[in-house]
N, C-alpha and C. Protein backbone atom coordinates (compact mmCIF):
# COMPACT_ATOMS: atom_id res chain seq x y z
N MET A 1 15.62 59.44 62.75
CA MET A 1 16.76 57.82 62.73
C MET A 1 17.76 58.10 61.79
N LYS A 2 18.66 58.10 61.03
CA LYS A 2 19.76 58.31 60.41
C LYS A 2 19.10 57.30 59.32
N LYS A 3 19.06 57.08 58.17
CA LYS A 3 18.50 56.71 56.85
C LYS A 3 20.05 55.55 57.22
N ILE A 4 19.70 54.57 56.41
CA ILE A 4 21.14 53.51 56.31
C ILE A 4 21.52 53.49 55.37
N ASP A 5 23.00 53.86 54.60
CA ASP A 5 23.36 53.43 53.94
C ASP A 5 23.79 53.06 53.21
N PHE A 6 23.39 52.88 51.68
CA PHE A 6 23.16 51.11 50.79
C PHE A 6 25.50 50.65 50.73
N VAL A 7 25.44 49.57 50.64
CA VAL A 7 26.48 49.00 50.60
C VAL A 7 27.42 48.76 49.11
N ASP A 8 28.37 48.41 48.86
CA ASP A 8 29.36 48.40 47.57
C ASP A 8 29.91 47.14 47.94
N GLU A 9 31.03 46.48 46.76
CA GLU A 9 32.30 45.22 47.37
C GLU A 9 32.73 45.37 47.74
N ASN A 10 33.22 46.83 48.02
CA ASN A 10 35.26 47.03 49.40
C ASN A 10 33.76 47.26 50.05
N THR A 11 32.97 47.22 51.09
CA THR A 11 31.54 47.20 51.93
C THR A 11 32.55 46.17 52.67
N THR A 12 33.09 46.34 54.03
CA THR A 12 33.25 45.94 54.80
C THR A 12 32.19 44.46 55.24
N ILE A 13 33.13 43.20 56.20
CA ILE A 13 31.06 42.52 56.61
C ILE A 13 30.45 43.11 57.75
N LYS A 14 32.22 43.46 58.80
CA LYS A 14 31.53 44.15 60.26
C LYS A 14 30.80 45.84 59.11
N GLU A 15 31.52 46.71 59.10
CA GLU A 15 30.00 48.11 58.46
C GLU A 15 28.89 47.25 58.15
N ILE A 16 28.32 46.06 57.57
CA ILE A 16 27.05 45.39 56.83
C ILE A 16 26.54 45.43 58.50
N LEU A 17 27.07 44.34 59.07
CA LEU A 17 26.59 44.68 60.56
C LEU A 17 26.48 45.23 61.45
N ASP A 18 27.20 46.40 61.14
CA ASP A 18 26.85 47.37 62.87
C ASP A 18 25.30 48.86 61.60
N LYS A 19 24.63 47.73 60.50
CA LYS A 19 24.60 49.53 60.06
C LYS A 19 23.04 48.87 61.21
N ASP A 20 22.59 47.34 60.79
CA ASP A 20 21.60 47.37 61.27
C ASP A 20 21.62 45.07 61.65
N SER A 21 20.65 45.33 63.11
CA SER A 21 21.53 43.96 63.23
C SER A 21 19.88 43.06 62.28
N SER A 22 19.23 43.47 61.72
CA SER A 22 18.71 42.48 61.26
C SER A 22 19.54 41.96 59.83
N MET A 23 20.61 42.75 59.24
CA MET A 23 22.36 42.44 58.88
C MET A 23 22.29 41.05 58.47
N GLN A 24 22.42 40.76 59.63
CA GLN A 24 23.41 38.86 60.09
C GLN A 24 23.08 38.42 58.93
N SER A 25 21.72 38.03 59.70
CA SER A 25 20.48 37.24 58.97
C SER A 25 20.23 36.64 57.30
N GLU A 26 20.94 38.01 57.12
CA GLU A 26 21.31 38.09 55.53
C GLU A 26 23.04 37.19 54.53
N LEU A 27 23.09 38.20 55.93
CA LEU A 27 24.53 37.36 55.37
C LEU A 27 24.78 36.22 55.40
N LEU A 28 24.25 35.10 56.29
CA LEU A 28 24.27 34.44 55.87
C LEU A 28 23.39 33.82 55.69
N LYS A 29 22.44 33.96 54.67
CA LYS A 29 21.68 33.40 53.98
C LYS A 29 22.06 33.59 52.52
N LEU A 30 23.26 34.45 52.65
CA LEU A 30 24.30 34.68 51.30
C LEU A 30 25.10 33.68 51.28
N GLY A 31 25.57 33.15 52.31
CA GLY A 31 26.55 31.88 52.70
C GLY A 31 27.88 33.01 53.34
N PHE A 32 27.64 33.40 54.31
CA PHE A 32 28.81 34.93 53.82
C PHE A 32 28.84 34.95 56.35
N ASN A 33 30.86 34.67 56.06
CA ASN A 33 31.19 34.43 57.81
C ASN A 33 30.86 35.21 58.20
N THR A 34 29.87 35.31 59.63
CA THR A 34 29.85 37.19 59.94
C THR A 34 30.17 36.96 60.94
N CYS A 35 31.54 35.38 61.72
CA CYS A 35 32.17 35.63 62.80
C CYS A 35 33.24 35.31 63.14
N CYS A 36 34.17 35.38 61.40
CA CYS A 36 35.47 35.59 61.31
C CYS A 36 35.71 36.92 60.44
N ALA A 37 34.93 36.95 59.76
CA ALA A 37 35.75 37.30 58.29
C ALA A 37 35.46 39.07 57.76
N LYS A 38 35.33 39.11 59.75
CA LYS A 38 34.09 40.31 59.90
C LYS A 38 35.38 41.82 58.56
N MET A 39 36.23 41.42 59.12
CA MET A 39 37.28 42.34 57.47
C MET A 39 37.40 42.67 56.28
N GLN A 40 36.84 41.69 55.82
CA GLN A 40 36.99 41.05 55.04
C GLN A 40 36.31 42.26 53.67
N THR A 41 36.18 42.65 53.32
CA THR A 41 35.58 43.21 52.09
C THR A 41 34.92 42.08 51.75
N LEU A 42 32.98 42.64 51.02
CA LEU A 42 32.05 42.01 50.15
C LEU A 42 32.95 41.15 48.59
N LYS A 43 33.88 42.08 47.69
CA LYS A 43 34.48 41.39 47.30
C LYS A 43 35.30 40.48 47.61
N ASN A 44 36.29 40.81 48.38
CA ASN A 44 36.73 39.67 48.39
C ASN A 44 36.63 38.12 49.35
N PHE A 45 35.27 38.44 50.47
CA PHE A 45 34.81 37.14 50.66
C PHE A 45 34.13 36.06 49.18
N SER A 46 33.28 37.13 48.03
CA SER A 46 32.81 36.51 47.85
C SER A 46 33.20 35.63 46.57
N GLU A 47 34.99 36.22 46.15
CA GLU A 47 35.95 35.65 44.70
C GLU A 47 36.36 34.49 46.01
N GLU A 48 36.52 34.59 47.23
CA GLU A 48 37.27 33.40 47.91
C GLU A 48 36.36 32.53 47.60
N LYS A 49 35.63 32.80 48.14
CA LYS A 49 34.43 31.59 48.25
C LYS A 49 33.52 31.13 47.31
N LYS A 50 34.27 31.66 46.31
CA LYS A 50 33.10 31.40 44.98
C LYS A 50 31.80 32.14 44.59
N LEU A 51 31.29 33.51 45.47
CA LEU A 51 30.44 34.11 45.75
C LEU A 51 29.56 34.69 44.49
N ASP A 52 28.73 35.45 44.13
CA ASP A 52 28.21 35.76 43.21
C ASP A 52 27.94 37.11 44.15
N VAL A 53 28.50 39.03 44.01
CA VAL A 53 28.70 39.90 44.44
C VAL A 53 28.14 40.89 44.15
N LYS A 54 27.21 40.53 42.37
CA LYS A 54 26.46 41.54 42.79
C LYS A 54 25.30 40.97 42.73
N LYS A 55 24.69 40.06 43.27
CA LYS A 55 23.94 39.49 43.35
C LYS A 55 23.51 39.34 45.13
N ALA A 56 24.48 38.97 45.83
CA ALA A 56 25.03 39.98 47.77
C ALA A 56 24.77 41.63 48.19
N MET A 57 25.02 42.57 46.56
CA MET A 57 24.90 43.51 47.21
C MET A 57 23.33 44.38 47.29
N GLU A 58 22.85 43.76 45.63
CA GLU A 58 21.49 43.70 45.54
C GLU A 58 20.71 43.15 46.37
N THR A 59 20.13 42.44 47.27
CA THR A 59 19.98 41.61 47.54
C THR A 59 20.01 41.87 49.52
N LEU A 60 22.02 42.79 49.79
CA LEU A 60 21.57 43.46 50.78
C LEU A 60 20.77 45.07 50.30
N ASN A 61 21.12 45.08 49.17
CA ASN A 61 20.66 47.01 49.29
C ASN A 61 19.07 46.52 49.47
N THR A 62 18.33 45.69 49.00
CA THR A 62 16.57 45.30 49.02
C THR A 62 16.13 45.19 50.18
N LYS A 63 17.53 44.98 51.37
CA LYS A 63 17.61 44.66 52.88
C LYS A 63 17.27 45.95 53.71
N ILE A 64 18.44 47.26 52.79
CA ILE A 64 18.47 48.22 53.51
C ILE A 64 17.32 49.05 53.72
N GLU A 65 17.66 48.97 51.88
CA GLU A 65 15.65 49.64 51.53
C GLU A 65 14.01 49.42 52.69
N GLU A 66 14.23 47.78 52.65
CA GLU A 66 12.75 47.84 53.31
C GLU A 66 13.57 48.80 54.35
N ILE A 67 14.42 48.72 54.69
CA ILE A 67 14.92 49.38 56.84
C ILE A 67 14.88 50.76 56.25
N ASN A 68 14.91 51.02 55.62
CA ASN A 68 15.10 52.88 55.64
C ASN A 68 13.32 53.15 55.64
N GLU A 69 12.32 52.63 54.62
CA GLU A 69 11.28 52.30 54.49
C GLU A 69 10.71 52.24 55.59
N ILE A 70 11.15 51.74 56.33
CA ILE A 70 9.89 51.18 57.62
C ILE A 70 10.03 52.06 58.95
N ASN A 71 11.75 52.52 58.88
CA ASN A 71 12.12 54.37 59.22
C ASN A 71 11.48 55.50 59.14
N GLU A 72 11.55 55.39 57.99
CA GLU A 72 10.59 56.56 57.17
C GLU A 72 8.98 56.21 58.14
N ILE A 73 8.04 54.97 58.00
CA ILE A 73 7.28 54.38 58.72
C ILE A 73 6.80 55.26 60.44
N LEU A 74 7.65 54.11 60.66
CA LEU A 74 7.38 55.14 61.96
C LEU A 74 8.47 55.96 62.63
N GLU A 75 8.68 56.68 62.47
CA GLU A 75 9.31 58.54 61.78
C GLU A 75 8.46 59.16 61.63
N GLU A 76 7.36 59.22 60.29
CA GLU A 76 6.16 59.78 60.48
C GLU A 76 5.27 58.97 61.65
N SER A 77 4.97 58.35 62.28
CA SER A 77 4.25 58.37 62.90
C SER A 77 4.00 58.55 64.60
N GLU A 78 5.34 58.41 64.65
CA GLU A 78 5.88 58.66 66.02
C GLU A 78 5.85 60.59 65.64
N GLY A 79 5.95 61.00 64.69
CA GLY A 79 5.38 62.80 64.71
C GLY A 79 3.65 63.08 64.56
N LYS A 80 3.32 62.51 64.21
CA LYS A 80 2.43 62.80 64.19
C LYS A 80 1.34 62.48 65.84
């Protein structure tokens, strides 16, 4: 399984949703619209809704790190 790339402020909501199904709940918790704003970047949406883009990126990248670690553990256990 390929590692999921981290997000930056120019990553679109759709790109984040495509990374892993668990990313939708993270986006919703942060106040992002995962239905109608899919083509907006984190930066654009954050500016529009007065959200902290840096905090959002940190939270999302922490989740991606967790997903990558879990996938790595699963791969190792399958290989044995």
